[in-house]
N, C-alpha and C. Protein backbone atom coordinates (compact mmCIF):
# COMPACT_ATOMS: atom_id res chain seq x y z
N MET A 1 -11.21 -27.06 5.32
CA MET A 1 -10.17 -27.89 4.23
C MET A 1 -9.53 -26.85 3.46
N ASN A 2 -9.98 -25.79 2.59
CA ASN A 2 -9.13 -25.07 1.82
C ASN A 2 -8.26 -24.50 2.74
N ALA A 3 -8.30 -24.03 3.63
CA ALA A 3 -7.44 -23.17 4.81
C ALA A 3 -6.33 -24.28 4.98
N LYS A 4 -6.70 -25.45 5.25
CA LYS A 4 -5.62 -26.39 5.69
C LYS A 4 -4.69 -26.27 4.38
N ILE A 5 -5.21 -26.65 3.32
CA ILE A 5 -4.17 -26.48 1.90
C ILE A 5 -3.35 -25.29 1.74
N ILE A 6 -4.03 -24.21 2.12
CA ILE A 6 -3.41 -23.23 1.77
C ILE A 6 -2.06 -22.99 3.03
N VAL A 7 -2.44 -23.32 4.11
CA VAL A 7 -1.55 -22.98 5.27
C VAL A 7 -0.16 -23.90 4.76
N ARG A 8 -0.86 -25.29 4.44
CA ARG A 8 0.28 -26.30 4.19
C ARG A 8 1.09 -26.25 3.03
N HIS A 9 0.59 -25.27 2.05
CA HIS A 9 1.62 -24.98 0.77
C HIS A 9 1.70 -23.63 0.42
N PHE A 10 1.46 -22.68 1.34
CA PHE A 10 1.94 -21.07 1.74
C PHE A 10 3.43 -21.08 1.92
N ARG A 11 4.20 -20.05 1.23
CA ARG A 11 5.69 -20.29 1.73
C ARG A 11 5.42 -18.83 2.12
N PHE A 12 5.62 -18.29 3.23
CA PHE A 12 5.73 -17.01 4.02
C PHE A 12 6.88 -16.41 3.56
N ARG A 13 6.83 -15.12 3.35
CA ARG A 13 8.12 -14.21 3.24
C ARG A 13 9.19 -14.11 4.23
N THR A 14 10.28 -14.63 3.81
CA THR A 14 11.05 -14.66 4.90
C THR A 14 12.45 -13.35 4.88
N GLU A 15 12.59 -13.03 3.58
CA GLU A 15 13.40 -11.89 3.36
C GLU A 15 12.77 -10.72 3.87
N THR A 16 13.44 -9.64 4.04
CA THR A 16 13.41 -8.42 4.52
C THR A 16 12.50 -7.56 3.18
N VAL A 17 11.33 -6.99 3.96
CA VAL A 17 10.59 -6.09 2.94
C VAL A 17 11.10 -5.04 2.35
N PRO A 18 11.47 -4.92 0.69
CA PRO A 18 12.10 -3.83 0.40
C PRO A 18 11.37 -2.56 0.82
N ILE A 19 12.61 -1.52 1.15
CA ILE A 19 11.93 -0.19 1.61
C ILE A 19 12.82 0.96 0.28
N PHE A 20 11.37 1.71 -0.11
CA PHE A 20 12.28 2.50 -1.12
C PHE A 20 13.38 3.82 -0.27
N THR A 21 14.34 3.91 -0.71
CA THR A 21 15.19 5.35 0.01
C THR A 21 14.33 6.35 -0.04
N ILE A 22 14.87 7.47 0.46
CA ILE A 22 14.03 8.72 0.20
C ILE A 22 14.16 9.57 -0.75
N ASN A 23 15.44 9.06 -1.23
CA ASN A 23 15.98 9.64 -2.75
C ASN A 23 14.91 8.92 -3.73
N GLU A 24 14.60 7.54 -3.62
CA GLU A 24 14.07 6.91 -4.74
C GLU A 24 12.56 7.43 -4.68
N LEU A 25 12.03 7.66 -3.49
CA LEU A 25 10.17 8.42 -3.19
C LEU A 25 10.80 9.61 -4.17
N CYS A 26 11.62 10.54 -3.83
CA CYS A 26 11.63 12.05 -3.91
C CYS A 26 11.88 12.14 -5.60
N ARG A 27 12.25 11.28 -6.17
CA ARG A 27 12.28 11.06 -7.77
C ARG A 27 11.43 10.77 -8.40
N LEU A 28 10.27 10.25 -7.81
CA LEU A 28 9.30 9.78 -8.25
C LEU A 28 8.50 11.15 -9.36
N THR A 29 8.01 10.77 -10.14
CA THR A 29 7.63 11.95 -11.52
C THR A 29 6.15 11.53 -11.84
N ILE A 30 5.43 10.47 -11.25
CA ILE A 30 4.29 9.97 -11.66
C ILE A 30 3.43 10.34 -10.38
N HIS A 31 1.94 10.35 -10.34
CA HIS A 31 1.26 10.52 -9.25
C HIS A 31 1.22 9.19 -8.39
N ALA A 32 1.30 9.07 -7.49
CA ALA A 32 1.13 7.83 -6.30
C ALA A 32 0.21 7.70 -5.38
N MET A 33 -0.05 6.58 -4.99
CA MET A 33 -1.16 6.38 -4.37
C MET A 33 -0.72 5.14 -3.23
N LEU A 34 -0.97 5.15 -1.97
CA LEU A 34 -0.36 4.59 -1.17
C LEU A 34 -1.82 4.11 -0.34
N ILE A 35 -1.92 2.80 -0.13
CA ILE A 35 -3.01 2.05 0.46
C ILE A 35 -2.47 1.33 1.40
N ALA A 36 -2.96 1.68 2.95
CA ALA A 36 -2.41 0.84 3.94
C ALA A 36 -3.30 0.58 4.83
N GLY A 37 -3.32 -0.88 5.51
CA GLY A 37 -4.36 -1.38 6.45
C GLY A 37 -3.54 -0.69 7.93
N GLU A 38 -4.85 -0.18 8.51
CA GLU A 38 -4.49 0.40 9.85
C GLU A 38 -3.70 -0.74 10.91
N LYS A 39 -4.52 -1.91 10.27
CA LYS A 39 -4.18 -3.06 11.64
C LYS A 39 -3.25 -4.06 11.00
N ASP A 40 -2.38 -3.52 10.17
CA ASP A 40 -1.03 -4.60 9.78
C ASP A 40 -0.37 -4.98 10.42
N VAL A 41 -0.26 -6.45 10.63
CA VAL A 41 0.55 -6.66 11.72
C VAL A 41 1.94 -6.75 11.02
N LYS A 42 2.43 -6.74 9.88
CA LYS A 42 3.40 -7.23 9.14
C LYS A 42 4.16 -5.69 9.07
N LEU A 43 3.76 -4.87 8.73
CA LEU A 43 4.03 -3.50 8.26
C LEU A 43 3.80 -2.23 9.39
N ASP A 44 4.64 -1.41 9.55
CA ASP A 44 4.12 -0.10 10.58
C ASP A 44 3.30 0.56 9.49
N SER A 45 2.20 0.44 9.44
CA SER A 45 0.97 1.35 8.43
C SER A 45 1.20 2.76 8.61
N ARG A 46 1.17 3.33 9.93
CA ARG A 46 0.84 4.63 10.47
C ARG A 46 2.25 5.11 9.89
N LYS A 47 3.54 4.66 10.36
CA LYS A 47 4.96 5.23 10.00
C LYS A 47 5.37 5.36 8.47
N SER A 48 4.63 4.01 7.51
CA SER A 48 4.62 4.27 6.14
C SER A 48 3.77 5.56 5.55
N VAL A 49 2.54 5.62 6.30
CA VAL A 49 1.77 6.51 5.49
C VAL A 49 2.64 8.12 5.87
N GLU A 50 3.06 8.11 7.19
CA GLU A 50 3.29 9.55 7.59
C GLU A 50 4.50 9.53 6.55
N ARG A 51 5.61 8.52 6.21
CA ARG A 51 6.85 8.94 5.51
C ARG A 51 6.56 9.45 4.24
N PHE A 52 5.14 8.74 3.51
CA PHE A 52 5.06 8.76 2.32
C PHE A 52 4.08 10.09 2.10
N SER A 53 3.65 10.40 2.85
CA SER A 53 2.78 12.01 2.95
C SER A 53 3.73 12.93 3.10
N ARG A 54 4.95 12.75 3.76
CA ARG A 54 5.97 13.94 3.92
C ARG A 54 6.78 13.68 2.95
N LEU A 55 7.35 12.80 2.25
CA LEU A 55 8.14 13.00 1.10
C LEU A 55 7.32 13.11 -0.43
N ILE A 56 6.34 12.81 -0.45
CA ILE A 56 5.37 12.84 -1.62
C ILE A 56 3.92 13.46 -1.01
N PRO A 57 4.18 14.74 -1.06
CA PRO A 57 2.94 15.49 -0.38
C PRO A 57 1.83 15.51 -1.35
N GLU A 58 1.91 15.24 -2.73
CA GLU A 58 1.07 15.45 -3.57
C GLU A 58 0.09 13.85 -3.75
N ALA A 59 0.90 12.97 -3.14
CA ALA A 59 0.24 11.54 -3.15
C ALA A 59 -0.84 11.50 -2.52
N SER A 60 -1.72 10.59 -3.23
CA SER A 60 -2.93 9.97 -2.47
C SER A 60 -2.56 8.88 -1.45
N VAL A 61 -3.16 9.19 -0.21
CA VAL A 61 -2.88 8.28 0.69
C VAL A 61 -3.79 7.94 1.49
N ASN A 62 -4.09 6.62 1.99
CA ASN A 62 -5.27 6.10 2.36
C ASN A 62 -4.79 5.09 3.39
N LEU A 63 -5.15 5.41 4.82
CA LEU A 63 -4.98 4.47 6.01
C LEU A 63 -6.33 3.77 6.32
N ILE A 64 -6.58 2.41 5.83
CA ILE A 64 -8.02 1.99 6.20
C ILE A 64 -7.87 1.67 7.48
N PRO A 65 -9.20 1.77 8.15
CA PRO A 65 -9.35 1.42 9.40
C PRO A 65 -10.09 0.07 9.15
N ASP A 66 -9.87 -0.95 10.28
CA ASP A 66 -10.20 -2.39 10.53
C ASP A 66 -9.63 -2.91 9.08
N TYR A 67 -8.66 -2.85 8.41
CA TYR A 67 -8.04 -3.77 7.51
C TYR A 67 -6.68 -4.05 8.13
N GLY A 68 -5.86 -5.04 7.60
CA GLY A 68 -4.51 -5.62 8.17
C GLY A 68 -3.93 -5.66 6.85
N HIS A 69 -2.91 -6.12 6.62
CA HIS A 69 -2.21 -6.46 5.44
C HIS A 69 -2.51 -6.80 4.43
N LEU A 70 -3.93 -7.76 4.32
CA LEU A 70 -4.49 -8.02 3.11
C LEU A 70 -5.54 -7.18 2.65
N LEU A 71 -5.58 -6.40 1.81
CA LEU A 71 -6.23 -5.33 1.47
C LEU A 71 -7.34 -5.66 0.05
N LEU A 72 -8.71 -6.04 0.31
CA LEU A 72 -9.62 -6.45 -0.45
C LEU A 72 -10.56 -5.50 -0.88
N ASN A 73 -11.25 -5.64 -1.65
CA ASN A 73 -12.60 -4.76 -2.15
C ASN A 73 -11.99 -3.31 -1.78
N LEU A 74 -11.15 -2.97 -2.47
CA LEU A 74 -10.94 -1.41 -2.25
C LEU A 74 -10.86 -0.89 -3.76
N THR A 75 -11.49 -1.28 -4.94
CA THR A 75 -11.58 -0.89 -6.07
C THR A 75 -12.69 0.69 -6.05
N ASN A 76 -13.48 0.93 -5.41
CA ASN A 76 -14.11 1.92 -4.92
C ASN A 76 -13.25 3.22 -4.82
N ARG A 77 -11.49 2.95 -4.21
CA ARG A 77 -10.74 3.88 -3.95
C ARG A 77 -9.70 4.08 -5.04
N ILE A 78 -9.66 2.86 -5.71
CA ILE A 78 -8.61 2.75 -6.90
C ILE A 78 -8.98 3.29 -8.10
N ILE A 79 -10.11 3.07 -8.42
CA ILE A 79 -10.59 3.46 -9.68
C ILE A 79 -11.06 4.87 -9.92
N PRO A 80 -11.64 5.49 -8.84
CA PRO A 80 -11.62 6.83 -9.08
C PRO A 80 -9.84 7.47 -9.09
N PHE A 81 -8.96 7.06 -8.32
CA PHE A 81 -7.42 7.85 -8.71
C PHE A 81 -7.30 7.49 -9.97
N LEU A 82 -7.22 6.52 -10.44
CA LEU A 82 -7.06 5.81 -11.96
C LEU A 82 -7.67 6.74 -13.08
N LEU A 83 -9.05 6.99 -12.68
CA LEU A 83 -9.92 7.95 -13.73
C LEU A 83 -9.22 9.15 -13.83
N ASP A 84 -8.83 9.85 -12.58
CA ASP A 84 -8.30 11.30 -12.67
C ASP A 84 -6.94 11.28 -13.09
N GLU A 85 -6.67 10.07 -13.13
CA GLU A 85 -4.92 10.06 -13.98
C GLU A 85 -5.12 10.22 -15.37
N LEU A 86 -6.30 9.58 -15.69
CA LEU A 86 -6.25 9.29 -17.21
C LEU A 86 -6.87 10.89 -17.86
N LYS A 87 -7.52 11.50 -17.03
CA LYS A 87 -8.26 12.65 -17.43
C LYS A 87 -6.87 13.83 -17.49
N GLN A 88 -5.95 13.55 -16.66
CA GLN A 88 -4.82 14.68 -17.21
C GLN A 88 -3.68 13.97 -18.39
N ILE A 89 -3.67 12.86 -18.67
CA ILE A 89 -3.11 12.60 -20.17
C ILE A 89 -3.55 13.47 -21.00
């Protein structure tokens, strides 16, 4: 029943997903983290991970196997990253 309500009322994204330019990514002055699902059917995760890693070599990059576009229950990866950032302040 709930799934039917969601499908009926969910508004799918129809516009193009924004992509950061090379210049925008290279200008980042903060530590960055990318988490991508390996089985994402909306975005090319492998290409995103490769691009992000190449442009921001010091970034934390995570390609999660068996995950798609919806990334849930990943606090075990995010919290340590944030705590490390807090230690550097």
